[in-house]
N, C-alpha and C. Protein backbone atom coordinates (compact mmCIF):
# COMPACT_ATOMS: atom_id res chain seq x y z
N MET A 1 -1.21 -4.54 -13.42
CA MET A 1 -1.13 -4.39 -11.97
C MET A 1 0.30 -4.69 -11.52
N TYR A 2 0.64 -4.11 -10.39
CA TYR A 2 1.99 -4.20 -9.84
C TYR A 2 1.88 -4.73 -8.42
N GLU A 3 2.55 -5.83 -8.11
CA GLU A 3 2.51 -6.38 -6.76
C GLU A 3 3.65 -5.79 -5.94
N HIS A 4 3.28 -5.21 -4.78
CA HIS A 4 4.28 -4.58 -3.92
C HIS A 4 4.23 -5.23 -2.54
N PHE A 5 5.39 -5.60 -2.02
CA PHE A 5 5.52 -6.23 -0.70
C PHE A 5 5.99 -5.19 0.32
N PHE A 6 5.40 -5.24 1.52
CA PHE A 6 5.77 -4.30 2.58
C PHE A 6 5.31 -4.86 3.92
N GLN A 7 5.67 -4.21 5.02
CA GLN A 7 5.24 -4.63 6.35
C GLN A 7 4.01 -3.86 6.77
N CYS A 8 3.06 -4.59 7.37
CA CYS A 8 1.86 -3.97 7.92
C CYS A 8 2.27 -3.06 9.08
N PRO A 9 1.75 -1.83 9.14
CA PRO A 9 2.10 -0.92 10.24
C PRO A 9 1.47 -1.30 11.58
N TYR A 10 0.62 -2.32 11.61
CA TYR A 10 -0.01 -2.78 12.86
C TYR A 10 0.66 -4.05 13.37
N CYS A 11 0.67 -5.11 12.56
CA CYS A 11 1.13 -6.42 13.02
C CYS A 11 2.56 -6.73 12.56
N TRP A 12 3.13 -5.90 11.69
CA TRP A 12 4.51 -6.02 11.19
C TRP A 12 4.74 -7.27 10.33
N GLU A 13 3.67 -7.93 9.92
CA GLU A 13 3.81 -9.07 9.01
C GLU A 13 4.10 -8.56 7.61
N ASP A 14 4.85 -9.34 6.85
CA ASP A 14 5.09 -9.01 5.44
C ASP A 14 3.84 -9.37 4.65
N ILE A 15 3.31 -8.40 3.92
CA ILE A 15 2.13 -8.61 3.09
C ILE A 15 2.38 -8.01 1.72
N SER A 16 1.48 -8.26 0.80
CA SER A 16 1.59 -7.66 -0.53
C SER A 16 0.23 -7.11 -0.95
N MET A 17 0.28 -6.12 -1.82
CA MET A 17 -0.94 -5.55 -2.38
C MET A 17 -0.70 -5.32 -3.87
N LEU A 18 -1.77 -5.42 -4.63
CA LEU A 18 -1.71 -5.10 -6.05
C LEU A 18 -2.05 -3.63 -6.22
N ILE A 19 -1.19 -2.89 -6.91
CA ILE A 19 -1.43 -1.46 -7.14
C ILE A 19 -1.38 -1.20 -8.64
N ASP A 20 -2.10 -0.20 -9.06
CA ASP A 20 -2.28 0.11 -10.47
C ASP A 20 -1.29 1.18 -10.92
N PRO A 21 -0.31 0.84 -11.77
CA PRO A 21 0.69 1.83 -12.20
C PRO A 21 0.17 2.84 -13.22
N SER A 22 -1.06 2.67 -13.71
CA SER A 22 -1.60 3.62 -14.69
C SER A 22 -2.08 4.92 -14.04
N ILE A 23 -2.16 4.93 -12.70
CA ILE A 23 -2.55 6.14 -11.96
C ILE A 23 -1.31 6.63 -11.22
N ASN A 24 -0.83 7.83 -11.56
CA ASN A 24 0.45 8.32 -11.03
C ASN A 24 0.48 8.45 -9.52
N ARG A 25 -0.56 9.00 -8.93
CA ARG A 25 -0.58 9.20 -7.48
C ARG A 25 -1.94 8.75 -6.95
N GLN A 26 -1.90 7.90 -5.93
CA GLN A 26 -3.12 7.35 -5.36
C GLN A 26 -3.04 7.40 -3.85
N VAL A 27 -4.17 7.52 -3.20
CA VAL A 27 -4.28 7.35 -1.75
C VAL A 27 -5.58 6.61 -1.52
N TYR A 28 -5.48 5.45 -0.87
CA TYR A 28 -6.68 4.68 -0.59
C TYR A 28 -6.45 3.81 0.63
N VAL A 29 -7.52 3.18 1.11
CA VAL A 29 -7.46 2.33 2.30
C VAL A 29 -7.74 0.89 1.90
N GLU A 30 -6.90 0.00 2.40
CA GLU A 30 -7.09 -1.42 2.18
C GLU A 30 -6.75 -2.15 3.48
N ASP A 31 -7.49 -3.20 3.79
CA ASP A 31 -7.27 -3.94 5.03
C ASP A 31 -6.07 -4.88 4.90
N CYS A 32 -5.34 -5.04 6.00
CA CYS A 32 -4.24 -6.01 6.06
C CYS A 32 -4.83 -7.41 5.91
N GLU A 33 -4.19 -8.24 5.11
CA GLU A 33 -4.67 -9.60 4.89
C GLU A 33 -4.40 -10.51 6.09
N VAL A 34 -3.57 -10.06 7.05
CA VAL A 34 -3.26 -10.87 8.23
C VAL A 34 -4.09 -10.44 9.43
N CYS A 35 -4.02 -9.15 9.80
CA CYS A 35 -4.70 -8.68 11.02
C CYS A 35 -6.01 -7.93 10.74
N CYS A 36 -6.31 -7.65 9.49
CA CYS A 36 -7.56 -7.01 9.05
C CYS A 36 -7.69 -5.54 9.44
N ASN A 37 -6.64 -4.91 9.95
CA ASN A 37 -6.70 -3.48 10.26
C ASN A 37 -6.58 -2.66 8.97
N PRO A 38 -7.20 -1.46 8.95
CA PRO A 38 -7.15 -0.63 7.75
C PRO A 38 -5.80 0.07 7.60
N ILE A 39 -5.25 0.01 6.40
CA ILE A 39 -3.96 0.64 6.09
C ILE A 39 -4.20 1.69 5.01
N GLU A 40 -3.73 2.91 5.26
CA GLU A 40 -3.77 3.94 4.23
C GLU A 40 -2.54 3.77 3.35
N VAL A 41 -2.77 3.51 2.07
CA VAL A 41 -1.71 3.20 1.13
C VAL A 41 -1.54 4.38 0.16
N GLU A 42 -0.29 4.77 -0.07
CA GLU A 42 -0.02 5.87 -1.00
C GLU A 42 1.16 5.51 -1.92
N PRO A 43 0.85 4.91 -3.09
CA PRO A 43 1.91 4.66 -4.07
C PRO A 43 2.02 5.85 -5.04
N ILE A 44 3.23 6.14 -5.46
CA ILE A 44 3.47 7.19 -6.44
C ILE A 44 4.27 6.58 -7.59
N PHE A 45 3.73 6.70 -8.80
CA PHE A 45 4.37 6.17 -10.00
C PHE A 45 4.82 7.30 -10.91
N GLU A 46 5.86 7.04 -11.66
CA GLU A 46 6.31 7.93 -12.72
C GLU A 46 6.68 7.06 -13.91
N ASN A 47 6.01 7.27 -15.04
CA ASN A 47 6.21 6.44 -16.23
C ASN A 47 6.04 4.95 -15.90
N SER A 48 5.01 4.64 -15.14
CA SER A 48 4.66 3.28 -14.72
C SER A 48 5.72 2.61 -13.83
N GLU A 49 6.62 3.39 -13.27
CA GLU A 49 7.62 2.86 -12.35
C GLU A 49 7.33 3.39 -10.95
N LEU A 50 7.32 2.49 -9.97
CA LEU A 50 7.03 2.89 -8.60
C LEU A 50 8.18 3.73 -8.06
N MET A 51 7.89 4.98 -7.72
CA MET A 51 8.91 5.92 -7.23
C MET A 51 8.89 6.03 -5.70
N ALA A 52 7.70 5.89 -5.10
CA ALA A 52 7.57 5.98 -3.64
C ALA A 52 6.36 5.16 -3.21
N PHE A 53 6.43 4.68 -1.98
CA PHE A 53 5.31 3.91 -1.43
C PHE A 53 5.28 4.13 0.06
N GLU A 54 4.10 4.44 0.57
CA GLU A 54 3.94 4.61 2.01
C GLU A 54 2.69 3.87 2.46
N ALA A 55 2.81 3.16 3.58
CA ALA A 55 1.69 2.45 4.18
C ALA A 55 1.59 2.92 5.63
N ARG A 56 0.46 3.56 5.96
CA ARG A 56 0.28 4.15 7.29
C ARG A 56 -0.90 3.53 8.02
N SER A 57 -0.77 3.48 9.34
CA SER A 57 -1.91 3.08 10.16
C SER A 57 -2.90 4.25 10.19
N ILE A 58 -4.15 3.92 10.43
CA ILE A 58 -5.20 4.94 10.51
C ILE A 58 -5.59 5.10 11.96
N GLU A 59 -5.52 6.32 12.46
CA GLU A 59 -5.89 6.62 13.85
C GLU A 59 -7.36 6.33 14.05
N GLN A 60 -7.69 5.60 15.11
CA GLN A 60 -9.09 5.26 15.36
C GLN A 60 -9.52 5.81 16.71
């Protein structure tokens, strides 16, 4: 597992998530550990190295 730190798109707090580098491209939803809002997370790996990461708010 790979720990990645970023800012929540809702509350702007610095948070971290564990992401799996064995899957090259992923899109999933995980709640912010501070404000509990859902974040759409999209990490992209190449040869187990994180190449891109995006964390988006979900329109409700």
